[in-house]
C-alpha atoms as a PDB file:
ATOM      1  CA  MET A   1      -8.088  11.681  20.529  1.00  0.00           C
ATOM      2  CA  HIS A   2     -11.426  13.236  19.664  1.00  0.00           C
ATOM      3  CA  ASN A   3     -14.678  11.450  18.829  1.00  0.00           C
ATOM      4  CA  ASP A   4     -13.716   7.816  19.452  1.00  0.00           C
ATOM      5  CA  GLU A   5     -16.771   5.646  18.883  1.00  0.00           C
ATOM      6  CA  ALA A   6     -18.003   2.189  17.932  1.00  0.00           C
ATOM      7  CA  ASP A   7     -21.190   2.043  15.856  1.00  0.00           C
ATOM      8  CA  GLU A   8     -23.780  -0.730  15.652  1.00  0.00           C
ATOM      9  CA  SER A   9     -22.135  -2.214  12.548  1.00  0.00           C
ATOM     10  CA  GLY A  10     -19.077  -3.175  14.582  1.00  0.00           C
ATOM     11  CA  TRP A  11     -16.735  -0.456  13.305  1.00  0.00           C
ATOM     12  CA  GLU A  12     -14.588   1.522  15.731  1.00  0.00           C
ATOM     13  CA  VAL A  13     -14.130   5.069  14.406  1.00  0.00           C
ATOM     14  CA  ALA A  14     -11.553   7.575  15.678  1.00  0.00           C
ATOM     15  CA  ARG A  15     -10.948  11.153  14.588  1.00  0.00           C
ATOM     16  CA  PRO A  16      -8.151  13.533  15.601  1.00  0.00           C
ATOM     17  CA  GLY A  17      -8.945  16.759  17.352  1.00  0.00           C
ATOM     18  CA  GLY A  18      -7.599  20.177  16.418  1.00  0.00           C
ATOM     19  CA  ALA A  19      -6.498  21.593  13.095  1.00  0.00           C
ATOM     20  CA  PRO A  20      -5.308  19.195  10.373  1.00  0.00           C
ATOM     21  CA  PRO A  21      -1.509  18.857  10.056  1.00  0.00           C
ATOM     22  CA  VAL A  22      -1.696  19.975   6.418  1.00  0.00           C
ATOM     23  CA  ALA A  23      -4.418  22.174   4.959  1.00  0.00           C
ATOM     24  CA  GLY A  24      -6.942  20.216   2.955  1.00  0.00           C
ATOM     25  CA  VAL A  25      -6.449  16.875   4.747  1.00  0.00           C
ATOM     26  CA  ARG A  26      -9.224  15.152   6.720  1.00  0.00           C
ATOM     27  CA  MET A  27      -8.278  12.008   8.663  1.00  0.00           C
ATOM     28  CA  ALA A  28     -10.108   9.202  10.447  1.00  0.00           C
ATOM     29  CA  GLY A  29      -9.173   5.804  11.852  1.00  0.00           C
ATOM     30  CA  PHE A  30     -11.264   2.664  11.385  1.00  0.00           C
ATOM     31  CA  ARG A  31     -11.041  -0.760  13.046  1.00  0.00           C
ATOM     32  CA  ASP A  32     -13.302  -3.755  12.385  1.00  0.00           C
ATOM     33  CA  ARG A  33     -14.346  -5.149  15.773  1.00  0.00           C
ATOM     34  CA  VAL A  34     -16.350  -8.172  14.598  1.00  0.00           C
ATOM     35  CA  GLY A  35     -14.303  -9.770  11.795  1.00  0.00           C
ATOM     36  CA  GLN A  36     -16.630  -8.866   8.957  1.00  0.00           C
ATOM     37  CA  THR A  37     -15.711  -8.672   5.282  1.00  0.00           C
ATOM     38  CA  LEU A  38     -15.351  -5.227   3.722  1.00  0.00           C
ATOM     39  CA  ASP A  39     -16.818  -4.965   0.226  1.00  0.00           C
ATOM     40  CA  LEU A  40     -16.846  -1.281  -0.678  1.00  0.00           C
ATOM     41  CA  ARG A  41     -17.939   0.215  -3.956  1.00  0.00           C
ATOM     42  CA  VAL A  42     -15.816   3.245  -4.872  1.00  0.00           C
ATOM     43  CA  LEU A  43     -17.868   6.272  -5.924  1.00  0.00           C
ATOM     44  CA  PRO A  44     -16.380   9.375  -7.551  1.00  0.00           C
ATOM     45  CA  GLN A  45     -16.127  12.354  -5.200  1.00  0.00           C
ATOM     46  CA  PRO A  46     -14.326  15.712  -5.237  1.00  0.00           C
ATOM     47  CA  THR A  47     -11.560  14.472  -2.944  1.00  0.00           C
ATOM     48  CA  VAL A  48      -8.652  12.088  -3.403  1.00  0.00           C
ATOM     49  CA  VAL A  49      -9.019   9.239  -0.893  1.00  0.00           C
ATOM     50  CA  VAL A  50      -5.919   7.642   0.630  1.00  0.00           C
ATOM     51  CA  VAL A  51      -6.258   4.514   2.770  1.00  0.00           C
ATOM     52  CA  ILE A  52      -3.295   3.202   4.784  1.00  0.00           C
ATOM     53  CA  GLY A  53      -3.980  -0.390   5.789  1.00  0.00           C
ATOM     54  CA  LEU A  54      -2.789  -1.546   9.220  1.00  0.00           C
ATOM     55  CA  GLY A  55      -4.417  -4.956   9.500  1.00  0.00           C
ATOM     56  CA  ASN A  56      -2.939  -8.371   8.844  1.00  0.00           C
ATOM     57  CA  ASP A  57      -4.731  -8.848   5.527  1.00  0.00           C
ATOM     58  CA  PRO A  58      -4.157  -6.519   2.571  1.00  0.00           C
ATOM     59  CA  PHE A  59      -6.863  -4.920   0.481  1.00  0.00           C
ATOM     60  CA  THR A  60      -7.699  -6.212  -2.953  1.00  0.00           C
ATOM     61  CA  VAL A  61      -8.964  -3.857  -5.641  1.00  0.00           C
ATOM     62  CA  ASP A  62     -11.073  -5.009  -8.572  1.00  0.00           C
ATOM     63  CA  ASP A  63     -11.484  -2.513 -11.392  1.00  0.00           C
ATOM     64  CA  GLY A  64     -14.461  -4.339 -12.897  1.00  0.00           C
ATOM     65  CA  THR A  65     -12.452  -6.405 -15.378  1.00  0.00           C
ATOM     66  CA  GLY A  66     -10.773  -8.662 -12.835  1.00  0.00           C
ATOM     67  CA  ARG A  67      -7.519  -6.695 -13.048  1.00  0.00           C
ATOM     68  CA  ARG A  68      -5.890  -5.069 -10.030  1.00  0.00           C
ATOM     69  CA  PRO A  69      -4.871  -1.498 -10.935  1.00  0.00           C
ATOM     70  CA  SER A  70      -1.574  -1.509  -9.060  1.00  0.00           C
ATOM     71  CA  THR A  71       1.969  -2.389 -10.067  1.00  0.00           C
ATOM     72  CA  SER A  72       2.654  -3.960  -6.653  1.00  0.00           C
ATOM     73  CA  PRO A  73       3.316  -7.728  -6.850  1.00  0.00           C
ATOM     74  CA  HIS A  74       0.749  -8.495  -4.108  1.00  0.00           C
ATOM     75  CA  PRO A  75      -2.688  -7.183  -3.068  1.00  0.00           C
ATOM     76  CA  THR A  76      -2.056  -3.668  -1.839  1.00  0.00           C
ATOM     77  CA  PRO A  77      -2.016  -2.823   1.901  1.00  0.00           C
ATOM     78  CA  SER A  78      -2.638   0.867   1.118  1.00  0.00           C
ATOM     79  CA  LEU A  79      -4.317   2.619  -1.781  1.00  0.00           C
ATOM     80  CA  VAL A  80      -5.250   5.884  -3.465  1.00  0.00           C
ATOM     81  CA  ALA A  81      -8.561   6.519  -5.236  1.00  0.00           C
ATOM     82  CA  SER A  82      -8.390   9.428  -7.684  1.00  0.00           C
ATOM     83  CA  LEU A  83     -10.965  12.220  -7.992  1.00  0.00           C
ATOM     84  CA  SER A  84     -12.998  10.312 -10.561  1.00  0.00           C
ATOM     85  CA  PRO A  85     -12.132   6.607 -10.481  1.00  0.00           C
ATOM     86  CA  GLY A  86     -13.736   4.148 -12.839  1.00  0.00           C
ATOM     87  CA  PRO A  87     -15.950   1.377 -11.447  1.00  0.00           C
ATOM     88  CA  ALA A  88     -14.024  -0.372  -8.672  1.00  0.00           C
ATOM     89  CA  ARG A  89     -14.581  -2.386  -5.532  1.00  0.00           C
ATOM     90  CA  ILE A  90     -12.281  -2.576  -2.513  1.00  0.00           C
ATOM     91  CA  ARG A  91     -12.357  -5.750  -0.443  1.00  0.00           C
ATOM     92  CA  GLY A  92     -10.675  -6.794   2.771  1.00  0.00           C
ATOM     93  CA  ARG A  93     -11.042  -8.710   6.044  1.00  0.00           C
ATOM     94  CA  ASP A  94     -10.287  -7.653   9.622  1.00  0.00           C
ATOM     95  CA  VAL A  95      -9.739  -4.125   8.332  1.00  0.00           C
ATOM     96  CA  GLU A  96      -7.806  -1.611  10.396  1.00  0.00           C
ATOM     97  CA  CYS A  97      -6.788   1.546   8.592  1.00  0.00           C
ATOM     98  CA  ILE A  98      -6.348   5.293   8.478  1.00  0.00           C
ATOM     99  CA  GLU A  99      -8.361   7.047   5.801  1.00  0.00           C
ATOM    100  CA  MET A 100      -7.447  10.487   4.489  1.00  0.00           C
ATOM    101  CA  CYS A 101      -9.575  12.668   2.226  1.00  0.00           C
ATOM    102  CA  LEU A 102      -7.413  15.161   0.342  1.00  0.00           C
ATOM    103  CA  THR A 103      -8.549  18.256  -1.484  1.00  0.00           C
ATOM    104  CA  PRO A 104      -7.003  18.547  -4.964  1.00  0.00           C
ATOM    105  CA  GLY A 105      -4.540  21.124  -3.642  1.00  0.00           C
ATOM    106  CA  ALA A 106      -3.361  18.821  -0.864  1.00  0.00           C
ATOM    107  CA  ALA A 107      -3.161  15.859  -3.255  1.00  0.00           C
ATOM    108  CA  TYR A 108      -1.089  17.910  -5.698  1.00  0.00           C
ATOM    109  CA  ALA A 109       1.429  18.670  -2.942  1.00  0.00           C
ATOM    110  CA  LEU A 110       1.484  15.285  -1.197  1.00  0.00           C
ATOM    111  CA  LEU A 111       1.174  12.444  -3.675  1.00  0.00           C
ATOM    112  CA  GLY A 112       4.306  13.063  -5.723  1.00  0.00           C
ATOM    113  CA  VAL A 113       2.786  12.427  -9.161  1.00  0.00           C
ATOM    114  CA  SER A 114       0.829  14.477 -11.654  1.00  0.00           C
ATOM    115  CA  PRO A 115      -2.926  14.166 -11.033  1.00  0.00           C
ATOM    116  CA  LEU A 116      -3.237  13.250 -14.704  1.00  0.00           C
ATOM    117  CA  GLU A 117      -1.450   9.981 -13.939  1.00  0.00           C
ATOM    118  CA  LEU A 118      -4.160   9.052 -11.424  1.00  0.00           C
ATOM    119  CA  GLU A 119      -7.277  10.078 -13.354  1.00  0.00           C
ATOM    120  CA  GLY A 120      -9.765   7.244 -13.453  1.00  0.00           C
ATOM    121  CA  THR A 121      -7.824   4.806 -11.247  1.00  0.00           C
ATOM    122  CA  VAL A 122      -7.344   3.233  -7.839  1.00  0.00           C
ATOM    123  CA  VAL A 123      -3.637   2.522  -7.283  1.00  0.00           C
ATOM    124  CA  GLY A 124      -1.396   1.174  -4.557  1.00  0.00           C
ATOM    125  CA  LEU A 125       0.030   3.926  -2.324  1.00  0.00           C
ATOM    126  CA  GLU A 126       3.389   2.148  -2.324  1.00  0.00           C
ATOM    127  CA  ASP A 127       3.513   2.770  -6.087  1.00  0.00           C
ATOM    128  CA  LEU A 128       3.579   6.508  -5.291  1.00  0.00           C
ATOM    129  CA  TRP A 129       5.466   6.770  -2.002  1.00  0.00           C
ATOM    130  CA  GLY A 130       7.761   3.747  -2.287  1.00  0.00           C
ATOM    131  CA  ARG A 131       9.833   2.929   0.775  1.00  0.00           C
ATOM    132  CA  GLY A 132       8.356   5.904   2.637  1.00  0.00           C
ATOM    133  CA  GLU A 133       4.921   4.261   2.557  1.00  0.00           C
ATOM    134  CA  ARG A 134       6.272   0.969   3.894  1.00  0.00           C
ATOM    135  CA  GLN A 135       8.176   2.665   6.707  1.00  0.00           C
ATOM    136  CA  LEU A 136       5.185   4.788   7.699  1.00  0.00           C
ATOM    137  CA  ARG A 137       2.861   1.779   7.698  1.00  0.00           C
ATOM    138  CA  GLU A 138       5.259  -0.203   9.897  1.00  0.00           C
ATOM    139  CA  ARG A 139       5.455   2.643  12.419  1.00  0.00           C
ATOM    140  CA  LEU A 140       1.675   3.006  12.431  1.00  0.00           C
ATOM    141  CA  ALA A 141       1.145  -0.711  12.951  1.00  0.00           C
ATOM    142  CA  ALA A 142       3.546  -0.655  15.919  1.00  0.00           C
ATOM    143  CA  ALA A 143       1.648   2.216  17.557  1.00  0.00           C
ATOM    144  CA  THR A 144      -1.423   1.174  19.552  1.00  0.00           C
ATOM    145  CA  ALA A 145      -3.131   4.510  20.264  1.00  0.00           C
ATOM    146  CA  TRP A 146      -5.031   6.314  17.518  1.00  0.00           C
ATOM    147  CA  GLN A 147      -3.709   9.711  18.585  1.00  0.00           C
ATOM    148  CA  GLU A 148      -0.114   8.482  18.248  1.00  0.00           C
ATOM    149  CA  ARG A 149      -0.945   7.219  14.767  1.00  0.00           C
ATOM    150  CA  PHE A 150      -2.529  10.514  13.757  1.00  0.00           C
ATOM    151  CA  THR A 151       0.581  12.339  14.991  1.00  0.00           C
ATOM    152  CA  LEU A 152       2.873  10.066  12.951  1.00  0.00           C
ATOM    153  CA  VAL A 153       0.807  10.599   9.799  1.00  0.00           C
ATOM    154  CA  GLY A 154       0.662  14.343  10.399  1.00  0.00           C
ATOM    155  CA  GLU A 155       4.435  14.609  10.740  1.00  0.00           C
ATOM    156  CA  PHE A 156       4.938  12.521   7.588  1.00  0.00           C
ATOM    157  CA  LEU A 157       2.511  14.670   5.583  1.00  0.00           C
ATOM    158  CA  ALA A 158       4.059  17.903   6.835  1.00  0.00           C
ATOM    159  CA  ARG A 159       7.473  16.798   5.580  1.00  0.00           C
ATOM    160  CA  ARG A 160       6.051  15.875   2.162  1.00  0.00           C
ATOM    161  CA  ALA A 161       4.095  19.117   1.921  1.00  0.00           C
ATOM    162  CA  ALA A 162       7.238  21.137   2.605  1.00  0.00           C
ATOM    163  CA  ARG A 163       8.894  19.547  -0.456  1.00  0.00           C
ATOM    164  CA  GLY A 164       5.819  19.316  -2.685  1.00  0.00           C
ATOM    165  CA  PRO A 165       4.593  21.721  -5.382  1.00  0.00           C
ATOM    166  CA  ALA A 166       2.032  24.405  -4.623  1.00  0.00           C
ATOM    167  CA  MET A 167      -1.063  24.818  -6.749  1.00  0.00           C
ATOM    168  CA  THR A 168      -1.186  28.162  -8.567  1.00  0.00           C
ATOM    169  CA  PRO A 169      -3.573  30.703  -6.970  1.00  0.00           C
ATOM    170  CA  GLU A 170      -5.658  30.933 -10.140  1.00  0.00           C
ATOM    171  CA  VAL A 171      -6.275  27.179 -10.299  1.00  0.00           C
ATOM    172  CA  ALA A 172      -6.994  27.005  -6.563  1.00  0.00           C
ATOM    173  CA  GLY A 173      -9.436  29.905  -6.907  1.00  0.00           C
ATOM    174  CA  VAL A 174     -11.270  28.272  -9.802  1.00  0.00           C
ATOM    175  CA  TRP A 175     -11.600  25.007  -7.885  1.00  0.00           C
ATOM    176  CA  ASP A 176     -12.969  26.877  -4.852  1.00  0.00           C
ATOM    177  CA  THR A 177     -15.492  28.642  -7.091  1.00  0.00           C
ATOM    178  CA  ILE A 178     -16.649  25.339  -8.577  1.00  0.00           C
ATOM    179  CA  VAL A 179     -17.142  23.830  -5.110  1.00  0.00           C
ATOM    180  CA  ALA A 180     -18.831  26.925  -3.669  1.00  0.00           C
ATOM    181  CA  ASN A 181     -21.356  26.883  -6.510  1.00  0.00           C
ATOM    182  CA  GLY A 182     -22.034  23.164  -6.370  1.00  0.00           C
ATOM    183  CA  GLY A 183     -20.632  22.685  -9.864  1.00  0.00           C
ATOM    184  CA  ARG A 184     -23.224  25.008 -11.387  1.00  0.00           C
ATOM    185  CA  VAL A 185     -20.771  27.291 -13.197  1.00  0.00           C
ATOM    186  CA  ARG A 186     -19.855  28.195 -16.779  1.00  0.00           C
ATOM    187  CA  VAL A 187     -16.314  27.614 -17.993  1.00  0.00           C
ATOM    188  CA  ASP A 188     -16.290  31.028 -19.704  1.00  0.00           C
ATOM    189  CA  ASP A 189     -17.047  32.681 -16.372  1.00  0.00           C
ATOM    190  CA  LEU A 190     -14.323  30.673 -14.639  1.00  0.00           C
ATOM    191  CA  ALA A 191     -11.768  31.732 -17.257  1.00  0.00           C
ATOM    192  CA  ALA A 192     -12.813  35.376 -16.963  1.00  0.00           C
ATOM    193  CA  SER A 193     -12.512  35.254 -13.157  1.00  0.00           C
ATOM    194  CA  CYS A 194      -8.770  34.606 -13.399  1.00  0.00           C
ATOM    195  CA  GLY A 195      -8.086  36.585 -16.576  1.00  0.00           C
ATOM    196  CA  TRP A 196      -7.208  33.525 -18.651  1.00  0.00           C
ATOM    197  CA  SER A 197      -8.445  32.198 -21.962  1.00  0.00           C
ATOM    198  CA  ARG A 198     -10.514  29.001 -21.935  1.00  0.00           C
ATOM    199  CA  LYS A 199      -7.570  27.168 -23.499  1.00  0.00           C
ATOM    200  CA  ARG A 200      -5.089  28.327 -20.875  1.00  0.00           C
ATOM    201  CA  LEU A 201      -7.496  27.570 -18.042  1.00  0.00           C
ATOM    202  CA  ARG A 202      -8.123  24.070 -19.372  1.00  0.00           C
ATOM    203  CA  SER A 203      -4.388  23.378 -19.707  1.00  0.00           C
ATOM    204  CA  ARG A 204      -3.321  24.708 -16.292  1.00  0.00           C
ATOM    205  CA  PHE A 205      -6.338  23.381 -14.408  1.00  0.00           C
ATOM    206  CA  THR A 206      -6.121  19.894 -15.890  1.00  0.00           C
ATOM    207  CA  ALA A 207      -2.396  19.651 -15.166  1.00  0.00           C
ATOM    208  CA  GLN A 208      -2.887  20.464 -11.468  1.00  0.00           C
ATOM    209  CA  ILE A 209      -6.335  18.991 -10.744  1.00  0.00           C
ATOM    210  CA  GLY A 210      -6.346  16.018 -13.105  1.00  0.00           C
ATOM    211  CA  LEU A 211      -9.719  16.905 -14.637  1.00  0.00           C
ATOM    212  CA  THR A 212     -10.856  19.589 -17.068  1.00  0.00           C
ATOM    213  CA  PRO A 213     -12.844  22.469 -15.510  1.00  0.00           C
ATOM    214  CA  LYS A 214     -16.027  21.130 -17.122  1.00  0.00           C
ATOM    215  CA  ARG A 215     -15.440  17.610 -15.810  1.00  0.00           C
ATOM    216  CA  ALA A 216     -14.593  18.946 -12.356  1.00  0.00           C
ATOM    217  CA  ALA A 217     -17.849  20.922 -12.276  1.00  0.00           C
ATOM    218  CA  MET A 218     -19.772  17.812 -13.345  1.00  0.00           C
ATOM    219  CA  LEU A 219     -18.085  15.799 -10.568  1.00  0.00           C
ATOM    220  CA  VAL A 220     -18.902  18.347  -7.847  1.00  0.00           C
ATOM    221  CA  ARG A 221     -22.530  18.542  -8.999  1.00  0.00           C
ATOM    222  CA  PHE A 222     -22.773  14.739  -9.147  1.00  0.00           C
ATOM    223  CA  ASP A 223     -21.350  14.432  -5.622  1.00  0.00           C
ATOM    224  CA  GLU A 224     -23.959  16.785  -4.189  1.00  0.00           C
ATOM    225  CA  ALA A 225     -26.752  15.050  -6.102  1.00  0.00           C
ATOM    226  CA  ALA A 226     -25.513  11.612  -4.984  1.00  0.00           C
ATOM    227  CA  ARG A 227     -25.572  12.715  -1.353  1.00  0.00           C
ATOM    228  CA  ALA A 228     -29.130  13.956  -1.772  1.00  0.00           C
ATOM    229  CA  LEU A 229     -30.232  10.706  -3.425  1.00  0.00           C
ATOM    230  CA  ARG A 230     -28.636   8.595  -0.694  1.00  0.00           C
ATOM    231  CA  ALA A 231     -30.402  10.761   1.906  1.00  0.00           C
ATOM    232  CA  GLY A 232     -33.734   9.726   0.390  1.00  0.00           C
ATOM    233  CA  GLY A 233     -34.333  12.517  -2.093  1.00  0.00           C
ATOM    234  CA  ASN A 234     -36.652  12.000  -5.034  1.00  0.00           C
ATOM    235  CA  ALA A 235     -34.727  11.891  -8.331  1.00  0.00           C
ATOM    236  CA  ALA A 236     -36.876  14.574  -9.986  1.00  0.00           C
ATOM    237  CA  ASP A 237     -36.508  16.915  -7.002  1.00  0.00           C
ATOM    238  CA  VAL A 238     -32.764  16.258  -6.772  1.00  0.00           C
ATOM    239  CA  ALA A 239     -32.321  17.008 -10.475  1.00  0.00           C
ATOM    240  CA  LEU A 240     -34.119  20.344 -10.102  1.00  0.00           C
ATOM    241  CA  ALA A 241     -32.284  21.331  -6.909  1.00  0.00           C
ATOM    242  CA  HIS A 242     -28.835  20.647  -8.341  1.00  0.00           C
ATOM    243  CA  GLY A 243     -29.106  22.350 -11.701  1.00  0.00           C
ATOM    244  CA  TYR A 244     -29.788  19.426 -14.012  1.00  0.00           C
ATOM    245  CA  ALA A 245     -31.921  20.172 -17.056  1.00  0.00           C
ATOM    246  CA  ASP A 246     -34.292  17.343 -16.137  1.00  0.00           C
ATOM    247  CA  GLN A 247     -34.401  13.905 -14.533  1.00  0.00           C
ATOM    248  CA  SER A 248     -32.975  12.292 -17.676  1.00  0.00           C
ATOM    249  CA  HIS A 249     -29.942  14.577 -17.437  1.00  0.00           C
ATOM    250  CA  LEU A 250     -29.364  13.434 -13.836  1.00  0.00           C
ATOM    251  CA  HIS A 251     -29.788   9.819 -14.931  1.00  0.00           C
ATOM    252  CA  ARG A 252     -27.098  10.202 -17.605  1.00  0.00           C
ATOM    253  CA  ASP A 253     -24.617  11.776 -15.172  1.00  0.00           C
ATOM    254  CA  VAL A 254     -25.191   9.104 -12.527  1.00  0.00           C
ATOM    255  CA  ARG A 255     -24.683   6.426 -15.185  1.00  0.00           C
ATOM    256  CA  ALA A 256     -21.477   8.115 -16.378  1.00  0.00           C
ATOM    257  CA  PHE A 257     -19.945   8.550 -12.906  1.00  0.00           C
ATOM    258  CA  ALA A 258     -21.330   5.628 -10.897  1.00  0.00           C
ATOM    259  CA  GLY A 259     -22.250   3.074 -13.565  1.00  0.00           C
ATOM    260  CA  CYS A 260     -25.775   2.626 -12.176  1.00  0.00           C
ATOM    261  CA  THR A 261     -29.190   4.283 -12.042  1.00  0.00           C
ATOM    262  CA  PRO A 262     -30.139   6.989  -9.503  1.00  0.00           C
ATOM    263  CA  GLY A 263     -32.369   4.424  -7.753  1.00  0.00           C
ATOM    264  CA  ALA A 264     -29.504   1.965  -7.387  1.00  0.00           C
ATOM    265  CA  LEU A 265     -27.157   4.729  -6.220  1.00  0.00           C
ATOM    266  CA  ALA A 266     -29.604   5.676  -3.475  1.00  0.00           C
ATOM    267  CA  GLY A 267     -29.143   2.225  -1.967  1.00  0.00           C
ATOM    268  CA  VAL A 268     -25.329   2.197  -2.035  1.00  0.00           C
END
């Protein structure tokens, strides 16, 4: 195991060493050492987040209306947050879990559903992986060492990836261009880069990413701006640095993605 630590907040954090078992997957293990309550606000980001719960108490997910966005009959022990979820909070006690951040390409291969089915939601992982999720979670809970757990997850993901669909090179290339440019791209230029019309790009990209190219670019730009705000950046300076027309433009995007003001986001 690489980088096993316990921070001042009482969380034990473990990360695997070496290359990820599947390209586009970043893993970490978390264990609550002091019995605190987790109350986590979900923010949109350009990765799909998968959390496999290993503790005794399941997570509960509130989508802001009091409804739990999962078809499971009980609070979900594991969950998936899509690229751009709506306002949601994840709560739990005595949390022990493995968190995975998936690039859109990895999510497309591993989750087993169209990204369009996940857009704007947090759902139970069992709803997607069925019995496979339950069996994996049981094996992880029985293992005591983080490295053994990471190995089990890696083997499981490798098997799913071998059977899963591959993102088309054009769509993967457009996504990489959006990320490399911090979301500051024109859709016409993206279409020209792969020799497609805007209509074809929108159709293919949305089917495999779950967002339109324009929305994906907005999400990537928002993510970079949100990181800058949370690092203490001034809203006006952040707006200028990340390609927003002005501070009001940044304010509108933060409202649309996070449901709050830039000042409130900085404190999340």
